[in-house]
Amino acid sequence: MSYGSDRLIAQAERGPELSEALENLGRELGAGVGQQVGPLRTDWGPDWADLQCPICDASWVGRIGSLCYWCCKSLANMIQWQREAVLTPPDMELGDKRRPNALLAWGKRLKVQVDAGNITKEEAERVYKRELGRTQ
């Protein structure tokens, strides 16, 4: 599955109402589900109550059984950070004898993220070729 982390982060910034994509991410990756900890909040609508997440302890008013917005946003952030980290080449001097192995390992990490749909093949190839061509 492609998570499209940039899009998910933008949707997460809109507030506690989860977008469908962010909700799917949360369900797939195990975000917390709000458990009722207070009375029904009929002033908000039917099936709404004070909820609390068993994973991160966040609390909110929402539909009973809704996913935790804060867990979903954290998962989307984690995917974005993984993306940024893997697109960053190893910080090694050109003459370092460990550099060839470090580049090989980095290439394998890039492939894992391509296969996971977190980065595109073109992005991976671009950053890898740029690092291979670096002379300074």
Foldseek 3Di string as FASTA:
>chain_A
DALPLVVLLVQLVVDDPHDPSLQVQCVVVPAFWWAADADADCVVNPQWHWTAGPPPGDIDIDHHRGGGSVSSNVSSVVLVVLLVVLLDQDPDDPPPPCRVVSLVVSLVSLVVCCVVNSDPPVSSVVSSVVVVPDDD
